[in-house]
């Protein structure tokens, strides 16, 4: 059942993940909106931009994997690692109580779970 819909699932979840590119484009505004705090120095902004770019690229890999089945195992393995690390980091932080952040963590956890189920079913 999951395999029959994996292309659409990967397309939608990949596009959602590329939303992290907002952090690359507008780190101060995006972090203020999501976390209620903005990076206060140039180094923090650089790290946030870099993180947003990397997560956005993971989203691009997921979209690519939707149309290239031979890339799914490595692309989804990277995506699971990224999403699990993000979820764990947020659950261990005080930011887990912010509604927008909680939605992101639950979405990423759900995506990672679907990817794992797909990979196990191969």
C-alpha atoms as a PDB file:
ATOM      1  CA  UNK A   1       0.000   0.000   0.000  1.00  0.00           C
ATOM      2  CA  UNK A   2       2.713   2.485   0.985  1.00  0.00           C
ATOM      3  CA  UNK A   3       4.862   1.630  -2.032  1.00  0.00           C
ATOM      4  CA  UNK A   4       1.942   2.332  -4.362  1.00  0.00           C
ATOM      5  CA  UNK A   5       1.783   5.964  -3.195  1.00  0.00           C
ATOM      6  CA  UNK A   6       5.425   6.627  -2.405  1.00  0.00           C
ATOM      7  CA  UNK A   7       6.011   8.999  -5.331  1.00  0.00           C
ATOM      8  CA  UNK A   8       3.280  11.383  -4.168  1.00  0.00           C
ATOM      9  CA  UNK A   9       4.332  11.019  -0.524  1.00  0.00           C
ATOM     10  CA  UNK A  10       7.937  11.853  -1.380  1.00  0.00           C
ATOM     11  CA  UNK A  11       6.931  14.769  -3.572  1.00  0.00           C
ATOM     12  CA  UNK A  12       4.727  16.359  -0.894  1.00  0.00           C
ATOM     13  CA  UNK A  13       7.042  15.714   2.046  1.00  0.00           C
ATOM     14  CA  UNK A  14      10.069  16.777   0.004  1.00  0.00           C
ATOM     15  CA  UNK A  15       8.407  20.066  -0.920  1.00  0.00           C
ATOM     16  CA  UNK A  16       7.477  20.624   2.724  1.00  0.00           C
ATOM     17  CA  UNK A  17      11.069  19.972   3.759  1.00  0.00           C
ATOM     18  CA  UNK A  18      12.413  22.455   1.206  1.00  0.00           C
ATOM     19  CA  UNK A  19      10.498  25.076   3.187  1.00  0.00           C
ATOM     20  CA  UNK A  20      13.570  25.222   5.411  1.00  0.00           C
ATOM     21  CA  UNK A  21      15.127  27.334   2.665  1.00  0.00           C
ATOM     22  CA  UNK A  22      13.237  30.223   4.293  1.00  0.00           C
ATOM     23  CA  UNK A  23      15.888  30.041   7.005  1.00  0.00           C
ATOM     24  CA  UNK A  24      18.562  30.513   4.359  1.00  0.00           C
ATOM     25  CA  UNK A  25      16.782  33.500   2.816  1.00  0.00           C
ATOM     26  CA  UNK A  26      15.434  35.195   5.959  1.00  0.00           C
ATOM     27  CA  UNK A  27      16.979  33.671   9.103  1.00  0.00           C
ATOM     28  CA  UNK A  28      16.055  36.439  11.537  1.00  0.00           C
ATOM     29  CA  UNK A  29      12.404  36.707  10.527  1.00  0.00           C
ATOM     30  CA  UNK A  30      11.880  32.947  10.242  1.00  0.00           C
ATOM     31  CA  UNK A  31      13.448  32.098  13.612  1.00  0.00           C
ATOM     32  CA  UNK A  32      11.541  34.913  15.306  1.00  0.00           C
ATOM     33  CA  UNK A  33       8.298  33.537  13.848  1.00  0.00           C
ATOM     34  CA  UNK A  34       8.994  29.884  14.696  1.00  0.00           C
ATOM     35  CA  UNK A  35      10.983  30.036  17.919  1.00  0.00           C
ATOM     36  CA  UNK A  36      10.114  33.467  19.285  1.00  0.00           C
ATOM     37  CA  UNK A  37      13.784  34.443  19.222  1.00  0.00           C
ATOM     38  CA  UNK A  38      16.078  35.780  16.553  1.00  0.00           C
ATOM     39  CA  UNK A  39      19.797  35.115  16.167  1.00  0.00           C
ATOM     40  CA  UNK A  40      21.589  38.003  17.806  1.00  0.00           C
ATOM     41  CA  UNK A  41      24.968  37.875  16.089  1.00  0.00           C
ATOM     42  CA  UNK A  42      26.478  37.289  12.678  1.00  0.00           C
ATOM     43  CA  UNK A  43      27.813  33.829  13.558  1.00  0.00           C
ATOM     44  CA  UNK A  44      24.364  32.612  14.650  1.00  0.00           C
ATOM     45  CA  UNK A  45      22.837  33.937  11.446  1.00  0.00           C
ATOM     46  CA  UNK A  46      25.513  32.171   9.413  1.00  0.00           C
ATOM     47  CA  UNK A  47      24.840  28.859  11.187  1.00  0.00           C
ATOM     48  CA  UNK A  48      21.075  29.237  10.754  1.00  0.00           C
ATOM     49  CA  UNK A  49      21.458  30.029   7.057  1.00  0.00           C
ATOM     50  CA  UNK A  50      23.713  27.009   6.617  1.00  0.00           C
ATOM     51  CA  UNK A  51      21.284  24.736   8.477  1.00  0.00           C
ATOM     52  CA  UNK A  52      18.369  26.034   6.387  1.00  0.00           C
ATOM     53  CA  UNK A  53      20.300  25.373   3.196  1.00  0.00           C
ATOM     54  CA  UNK A  54      21.254  21.835   4.254  1.00  0.00           C
ATOM     55  CA  UNK A  55      17.713  20.893   5.282  1.00  0.00           C
ATOM     56  CA  UNK A  56      16.373  22.480   2.099  1.00  0.00           C
ATOM     57  CA  UNK A  57      18.789  20.344   0.095  1.00  0.00           C
ATOM     58  CA  UNK A  58      17.550  17.242   1.925  1.00  0.00           C
ATOM     59  CA  UNK A  59      14.056  18.226   0.775  1.00  0.00           C
ATOM     60  CA  UNK A  60      15.350  18.521  -2.778  1.00  0.00           C
ATOM     61  CA  UNK A  61      16.843  15.023  -2.491  1.00  0.00           C
ATOM     62  CA  UNK A  62      13.489  13.675  -1.337  1.00  0.00           C
ATOM     63  CA  UNK A  63      11.733  15.263  -4.329  1.00  0.00           C
ATOM     64  CA  UNK A  64      14.416  13.823  -6.627  1.00  0.00           C
ATOM     65  CA  UNK A  65      13.945  10.384  -5.062  1.00  0.00           C
ATOM     66  CA  UNK A  66      10.227  10.561  -5.863  1.00  0.00           C
ATOM     67  CA  UNK A  67      11.094  10.316  -9.548  1.00  0.00           C
ATOM     68  CA  UNK A  68      14.294   8.240  -9.332  1.00  0.00           C
ATOM     69  CA  UNK A  69      13.628   4.998  -7.409  1.00  0.00           C
ATOM     70  CA  UNK A  70      17.286   3.965  -7.530  1.00  0.00           C
ATOM     71  CA  UNK A  71      18.170   6.923  -5.259  1.00  0.00           C
ATOM     72  CA  UNK A  72      15.524   6.289  -2.615  1.00  0.00           C
ATOM     73  CA  UNK A  73      17.518   4.210  -0.159  1.00  0.00           C
ATOM     74  CA  UNK A  74      20.382   6.700   0.270  1.00  0.00           C
ATOM     75  CA  UNK A  75      18.156   9.794   0.022  1.00  0.00           C
ATOM     76  CA  UNK A  76      15.625   8.517   2.551  1.00  0.00           C
ATOM     77  CA  UNK A  77      18.375   7.279   4.864  1.00  0.00           C
ATOM     78  CA  UNK A  78      19.815  10.803   4.963  1.00  0.00           C
ATOM     79  CA  UNK A  79      16.325  12.265   5.437  1.00  0.00           C
ATOM     80  CA  UNK A  80      15.540   9.917   8.332  1.00  0.00           C
ATOM     81  CA  UNK A  81      18.809  10.831  10.065  1.00  0.00           C
ATOM     82  CA  UNK A  82      18.201  14.576   9.608  1.00  0.00           C
ATOM     83  CA  UNK A  83      14.586  14.446  10.749  1.00  0.00           C
ATOM     84  CA  UNK A  84      15.290  12.189  13.731  1.00  0.00           C
ATOM     85  CA  UNK A  85      18.180  14.401  14.884  1.00  0.00           C
ATOM     86  CA  UNK A  86      15.996  17.507  14.610  1.00  0.00           C
ATOM     87  CA  UNK A  87      13.132  15.886  16.515  1.00  0.00           C
ATOM     88  CA  UNK A  88      15.433  14.662  19.282  1.00  0.00           C
ATOM     89  CA  UNK A  89      17.132  18.039  19.612  1.00  0.00           C
ATOM     90  CA  UNK A  90      13.804  19.854  19.875  1.00  0.00           C
ATOM     91  CA  UNK A  91      12.268  17.357  22.315  1.00  0.00           C
ATOM     92  CA  UNK A  92      15.279  17.916  24.591  1.00  0.00           C
ATOM     93  CA  UNK A  93      14.994  21.695  24.383  1.00  0.00           C
ATOM     94  CA  UNK A  94      12.634  24.226  25.957  1.00  0.00           C
ATOM     95  CA  UNK A  95      11.377  25.117  22.463  1.00  0.00           C
ATOM     96  CA  UNK A  96       9.259  21.960  22.357  1.00  0.00           C
ATOM     97  CA  UNK A  97       6.430  23.943  23.962  1.00  0.00           C
ATOM     98  CA  UNK A  98       6.112  26.387  21.054  1.00  0.00           C
ATOM     99  CA  UNK A  99       3.161  25.406  18.828  1.00  0.00           C
ATOM    100  CA  UNK A 100       4.889  26.032  15.471  1.00  0.00           C
ATOM    101  CA  UNK A 101       7.964  24.081  16.550  1.00  0.00           C
ATOM    102  CA  UNK A 102       5.838  21.218  17.864  1.00  0.00           C
ATOM    103  CA  UNK A 103       4.044  21.008  14.506  1.00  0.00           C
ATOM    104  CA  UNK A 104       7.407  20.860  12.705  1.00  0.00           C
ATOM    105  CA  UNK A 105       8.709  18.136  15.016  1.00  0.00           C
ATOM    106  CA  UNK A 106       5.562  16.048  14.708  1.00  0.00           C
ATOM    107  CA  UNK A 107       5.589  16.449  10.923  1.00  0.00           C
ATOM    108  CA  UNK A 108       9.272  15.502  10.679  1.00  0.00           C
ATOM    109  CA  UNK A 109       8.773  12.539  13.010  1.00  0.00           C
ATOM    110  CA  UNK A 110       5.841  11.351  10.925  1.00  0.00           C
ATOM    111  CA  UNK A 111       7.803  11.750   7.700  1.00  0.00           C
ATOM    112  CA  UNK A 112      10.768   9.836   9.132  1.00  0.00           C
ATOM    113  CA  UNK A 113       8.437   7.060  10.294  1.00  0.00           C
ATOM    114  CA  UNK A 114       6.867   6.741   6.839  1.00  0.00           C
ATOM    115  CA  UNK A 115      10.315   6.664   5.229  1.00  0.00           C
ATOM    116  CA  UNK A 116      11.470   3.932   7.621  1.00  0.00           C
ATOM    117  CA  UNK A 117       8.329   1.871   6.940  1.00  0.00           C
ATOM    118  CA  UNK A 118       8.927   2.230   3.214  1.00  0.00           C
ATOM    119  CA  UNK A 119      12.596   1.246   3.515  1.00  0.00           C
ATOM    120  CA  UNK A 120      11.760  -1.782   5.683  1.00  0.00           C
ATOM    121  CA  UNK A 121       9.160  -2.887   3.142  1.00  0.00           C
ATOM    122  CA  UNK A 122      11.590  -2.868   0.208  1.00  0.00           C
END
